[in-house]
Amino acid sequence: MIINPSAHTMIPRGNVMRNRPYARRQLSIRMPYGRQMWYGITKVLLFSSVLIFVCSFWLTSAVERVNGEIEKATAIHHELVNTNILLRAQKARLFSPNEVGKLAGENLALYLPKSSQYHKF
């Protein structure tokens, strides 16, 4: 009801929305296949995006751990290669004829005979 203050009368009015029962629904966008399906699709996409986000962080940390282990293995490999080079040089020096003769003479009192000490037949 609308009250007209100047005339002091009341003008009865009917429900304006009664003639337009679906006015609110017609303004909204109609979704194909229904709202419930789109809500479900939205939930699945939201969950899968969160899952992908968490998995990407986990995989990034796993890759960093593997890279750290590879760097450690590479450092150990270079150290072993250097140690191998030093050991081979030491072995070559120790098994040289001069060194073998020197060690045999010192430890076992074995000396190579000189050319005047043996006879060729």
Protein backbone atom coordinates (compact mmCIF):
# COMPACT_ATOMS: atom_id res chain seq x y z
CA MET A 1 0.00 0.00 0.00
CA ILE A 2 1.11 3.45 -0.79
CA ILE A 3 -0.04 6.30 1.38
CA ASN A 4 -0.59 9.61 -0.31
CA PRO A 5 0.20 12.16 2.37
CA SER A 6 -1.42 15.08 0.58
CA ALA A 7 -4.79 13.40 0.07
CA HIS A 8 -4.68 11.35 3.21
CA THR A 9 -5.86 8.38 1.26
CA MET A 10 -4.45 4.95 0.77
CA ILE A 11 -4.06 3.53 -2.71
CA PRO A 12 -4.01 -0.26 -2.61
CA ARG A 13 -1.43 -1.74 -4.90
CA GLY A 14 -0.97 -5.38 -5.71
CA ASN A 15 2.27 -7.32 -5.56
CA VAL A 16 4.40 -5.97 -8.38
CA MET A 17 6.39 -9.25 -8.62
CA ARG A 18 3.22 -11.32 -8.94
CA ASN A 19 3.01 -10.63 -12.66
CA ARG A 20 6.66 -11.59 -13.12
CA PRO A 21 7.13 -14.81 -11.17
CA TYR A 22 10.45 -15.81 -12.79
CA ALA A 23 12.00 -12.36 -13.07
CA ARG A 24 14.98 -13.15 -10.88
CA ARG A 25 15.69 -16.47 -12.57
CA GLN A 26 15.51 -14.98 -16.04
CA LEU A 27 18.26 -12.50 -15.20
CA SER A 28 20.70 -15.23 -14.25
CA ILE A 29 22.68 -17.15 -16.82
CA ARG A 30 21.39 -20.61 -17.43
CA MET A 31 24.18 -23.15 -17.25
CA PRO A 32 24.12 -26.13 -19.55
CA TYR A 33 23.87 -29.50 -17.78
CA GLY A 34 22.77 -27.88 -14.52
CA ARG A 35 24.43 -26.11 -11.61
CA GLN A 36 25.26 -29.18 -9.57
CA MET A 37 27.49 -30.55 -12.31
CA TRP A 38 29.36 -27.26 -12.63
CA TYR A 39 29.79 -27.08 -8.85
CA GLY A 40 31.24 -30.59 -8.97
CA ILE A 41 33.55 -29.69 -11.85
CA THR A 42 34.68 -26.58 -9.97
CA LYS A 43 35.44 -28.61 -6.85
CA VAL A 44 37.38 -31.21 -8.83
CA LEU A 45 39.39 -28.52 -10.63
CA LEU A 46 40.12 -26.71 -7.37
CA PHE A 47 41.24 -29.92 -5.67
CA SER A 48 43.36 -30.98 -8.64
CA SER A 49 45.03 -27.55 -8.86
CA VAL A 50 45.90 -27.67 -5.15
CA LEU A 51 47.19 -31.22 -5.59
CA ILE A 52 49.32 -30.19 -8.58
CA PHE A 53 50.66 -27.21 -6.62
CA VAL A 54 51.68 -29.41 -3.67
CA CYS A 55 53.17 -32.05 -5.96
CA SER A 56 55.23 -29.44 -7.80
CA PHE A 57 56.73 -28.25 -4.50
CA TRP A 58 57.44 -31.84 -3.48
CA LEU A 59 59.06 -32.65 -6.83
CA THR A 60 61.13 -29.46 -6.69
CA SER A 61 62.50 -30.42 -3.29
CA ALA A 62 63.16 -33.97 -4.50
CA VAL A 63 65.07 -32.63 -7.53
CA GLU A 64 67.13 -30.38 -5.27
CA ARG A 65 67.97 -33.32 -2.99
CA VAL A 66 69.02 -35.44 -5.98
CA ASN A 67 71.13 -32.58 -7.36
CA GLY A 68 72.84 -32.26 -3.98
CA GLU A 69 73.60 -35.98 -3.94
CA ILE A 70 74.95 -35.78 -7.50
CA GLU A 71 77.23 -32.89 -6.52
CA LYS A 72 78.52 -34.89 -3.53
CA ALA A 73 79.14 -37.94 -5.74
CA THR A 74 80.94 -35.76 -8.29
CA ALA A 75 83.16 -34.26 -5.58
CA ILE A 76 83.98 -37.75 -4.25
CA HIS A 77 84.71 -38.93 -7.82
CA HIS A 78 87.16 -36.06 -8.43
CA GLU A 79 88.83 -36.75 -5.10
CA LEU A 80 89.19 -40.45 -5.95
CA VAL A 81 90.56 -39.64 -9.42
CA ASN A 82 93.19 -37.34 -7.88
CA THR A 83 94.07 -39.97 -5.26
CA ASN A 84 94.36 -42.60 -8.01
CA ILE A 85 96.71 -40.37 -10.01
CA LEU A 86 98.92 -39.82 -6.95
CA LEU A 87 98.95 -43.54 -6.10
CA ARG A 88 99.86 -44.52 -9.66
CA ALA A 89 102.71 -42.00 -9.65
CA GLN A 90 103.92 -43.39 -6.31
CA LYS A 91 103.66 -46.96 -7.64
CA ALA A 92 105.62 -46.04 -10.78
CA ARG A 93 108.28 -44.40 -8.65
CA LEU A 94 108.50 -47.33 -6.20
CA PHE A 95 108.68 -49.97 -8.94
CA SER A 96 111.31 -48.18 -10.97
CA PRO A 97 114.49 -50.28 -11.35
CA ASN A 98 116.59 -47.79 -9.37
CA GLU A 99 114.18 -47.75 -6.44
CA VAL A 100 113.78 -51.56 -6.42
CA GLY A 101 117.53 -52.02 -6.45
CA LYS A 102 117.98 -49.46 -3.71
CA LEU A 103 115.31 -51.04 -1.46
CA ALA A 104 116.60 -54.55 -2.09
CA GLY A 105 120.13 -53.45 -1.24
CA GLU A 106 119.07 -51.70 1.95
CA ASN A 107 116.63 -54.27 3.29
CA LEU A 108 117.93 -57.60 2.01
CA ALA A 109 121.52 -56.78 1.17
CA LEU A 110 120.94 -57.86 -2.42
CA TYR A 111 122.83 -56.01 -5.09
CA LEU A 112 123.01 -56.47 -8.81
CA PRO A 113 126.36 -57.80 -9.83
CA LYS A 114 128.54 -55.51 -11.81
CA SER A 115 129.83 -56.53 -15.20
CA SER A 116 133.19 -57.53 -13.75
CA GLN A 117 131.53 -59.85 -11.20
CA TYR A 118 129.94 -62.26 -13.65
CA HIS A 119 131.04 -64.05 -16.83
CA LYS A 120 129.14 -64.36 -20.05
CA PHE A 121 129.31 -67.74 -21.74
